N, C-alpha and C. Protein backbone atom coordinates (compact mmCIF):
# COMPACT_ATOMS: atom_id res chain seq x y z
N UNK A 1 3.73 53.46 39.24
CA UNK A 1 3.10 52.59 38.25
C UNK A 1 4.12 53.21 36.92
N UNK A 2 4.31 52.40 36.01
CA UNK A 2 5.28 52.32 35.05
C UNK A 2 4.57 53.56 33.71
N UNK A 3 5.25 54.10 33.08
CA UNK A 3 4.58 55.00 32.24
C UNK A 3 5.66 54.98 31.60
N UNK A 4 6.20 54.40 29.95
CA UNK A 4 7.03 54.40 28.98
C UNK A 4 7.07 55.41 28.06
N UNK A 5 6.25 56.46 28.49
CA UNK A 5 5.97 57.59 27.46
C UNK A 5 7.15 58.51 27.37
N UNK A 6 7.69 58.69 26.73
CA UNK A 6 8.59 59.75 26.19
C UNK A 6 8.21 61.28 25.88
N UNK A 7 9.09 61.91 26.39
CA UNK A 7 9.05 63.45 26.26
C UNK A 7 10.20 63.78 25.40
N UNK A 8 9.46 64.83 24.42
CA UNK A 8 10.65 65.00 23.16
C UNK A 8 11.75 66.34 24.06
N UNK A 9 12.92 66.02 23.79
CA UNK A 9 13.61 67.00 24.72
C UNK A 9 14.68 66.76 25.61
N UNK A 10 14.22 65.94 25.99
CA UNK A 10 15.17 64.81 27.25
C UNK A 10 15.67 63.44 26.79
N UNK A 11 16.76 63.50 27.13
CA UNK A 11 17.20 62.34 27.11
C UNK A 11 16.79 61.25 27.65
N UNK A 12 16.54 60.09 27.04
CA UNK A 12 15.60 58.85 27.50
C UNK A 12 16.35 58.41 28.90
N UNK A 13 17.66 58.84 29.21
CA UNK A 13 18.32 57.99 30.70
C UNK A 13 17.96 59.14 31.46
N UNK A 14 17.32 60.53 31.39
CA UNK A 14 16.99 61.58 32.08
C UNK A 14 15.88 61.30 32.53
N UNK A 15 14.43 60.81 31.88
CA UNK A 15 13.19 60.85 31.92
C UNK A 15 12.86 59.97 33.08
N UNK A 16 11.88 60.07 33.75
CA UNK A 16 11.28 59.33 34.72
C UNK A 16 10.15 58.14 34.16
N UNK A 17 10.58 56.91 34.44
CA UNK A 17 9.94 55.86 34.02
C UNK A 17 8.30 55.80 35.05
N UNK A 18 8.55 56.23 36.07
CA UNK A 18 7.65 55.78 37.20
C UNK A 18 6.88 56.79 37.71
N UNK A 19 5.57 56.55 37.91
CA UNK A 19 5.01 57.74 38.46
C UNK A 19 4.04 57.19 39.64
N UNK A 20 3.65 57.95 40.53
CA UNK A 20 2.84 57.55 41.34
C UNK A 20 2.62 58.91 42.80
N UNK A 21 2.28 58.44 44.01
CA UNK A 21 2.05 57.00 44.29
C UNK A 21 0.31 56.94 43.94
N UNK A 22 -0.40 55.76 44.00
CA UNK A 22 -1.44 55.53 43.25
C UNK A 22 -2.05 54.61 44.94
N UNK A 23 -3.42 54.87 44.93
CA UNK A 23 -4.15 53.92 45.76
C UNK A 23 -5.01 52.68 45.38
N UNK A 24 -4.83 51.21 45.48
CA UNK A 24 -5.45 50.91 44.70
C UNK A 24 -7.05 51.10 45.68
N UNK A 25 -8.36 50.69 44.56
CA UNK A 25 -9.40 50.84 45.08
C UNK A 25 -10.25 49.96 45.04
N UNK A 26 -9.77 48.90 43.98
CA UNK A 26 -10.58 47.34 43.98
C UNK A 26 -9.92 46.48 43.08
N UNK A 27 -9.49 45.49 43.48
CA UNK A 27 -9.26 43.90 42.93
C UNK A 27 -10.18 43.86 42.01
N UNK A 28 -10.16 43.92 40.25
CA UNK A 28 -10.91 43.12 39.42
C UNK A 28 -10.64 41.50 39.44
N UNK A 29 -9.42 40.93 39.67
CA UNK A 29 -9.03 39.99 39.16
C UNK A 29 -7.91 39.65 40.05
N UNK A 30 -6.98 38.59 39.73
CA UNK A 30 -5.58 38.38 40.02
C UNK A 30 -4.62 39.24 39.61
N UNK A 31 -4.75 39.89 38.28
CA UNK A 31 -3.70 40.67 37.41
C UNK A 31 -4.36 42.14 37.10
N UNK A 32 -5.65 42.41 37.58
CA UNK A 32 -6.48 43.40 37.03
C UNK A 32 -6.63 44.35 38.48
N UNK A 33 -6.06 45.76 38.54
CA UNK A 33 -6.54 45.98 39.64
C UNK A 33 -7.00 47.69 38.90
N UNK A 34 -8.34 48.14 39.65
CA UNK A 34 -8.62 49.63 39.84
C UNK A 34 -7.52 50.59 40.51
N UNK A 35 -6.74 51.43 40.18
CA UNK A 35 -6.31 52.71 40.90
C UNK A 35 -6.98 53.80 40.65
N UNK A 36 -6.24 54.65 41.83
CA UNK A 36 -6.81 55.73 41.86
C UNK A 36 -5.35 56.70 42.40
N UNK A 37 -5.34 57.94 41.97
CA UNK A 37 -4.00 58.56 41.87
C UNK A 37 -4.06 58.82 43.72
N UNK A 38 -3.26 59.07 44.23
CA UNK A 38 -3.42 59.38 45.84
C UNK A 38 -3.51 60.92 45.87
N UNK A 39 -4.32 61.44 46.55
CA UNK A 39 -4.85 63.01 46.97
C UNK A 39 -3.81 63.19 47.25
N UNK A 40 -2.50 63.35 48.19
CA UNK A 40 -1.51 63.76 48.80
C UNK A 40 -0.20 63.69 47.52
N UNK A 41 -0.55 63.30 46.22
CA UNK A 41 0.44 63.06 45.47
C UNK A 41 1.01 64.58 44.79
N UNK A 42 2.17 64.59 44.78
CA UNK A 42 2.32 65.93 44.14
C UNK A 42 2.63 65.96 42.41
N UNK A 43 1.94 67.65 42.22
CA UNK A 43 1.79 67.47 40.74
C UNK A 43 3.24 67.84 40.25
N UNK A 44 3.15 67.12 38.94
CA UNK A 44 4.41 67.41 38.30
C UNK A 44 4.45 68.83 37.84
């Protein structure tokens, strides 16, 4: 999932803009999905 949040002290080039993995729980419509963090995801 794209996350544009920036952290102080790091160059924007070195920051990761993507996080995951996520599991799709439910499709609400064509463009909106309910997602949940995958249980086997590594903590940051």
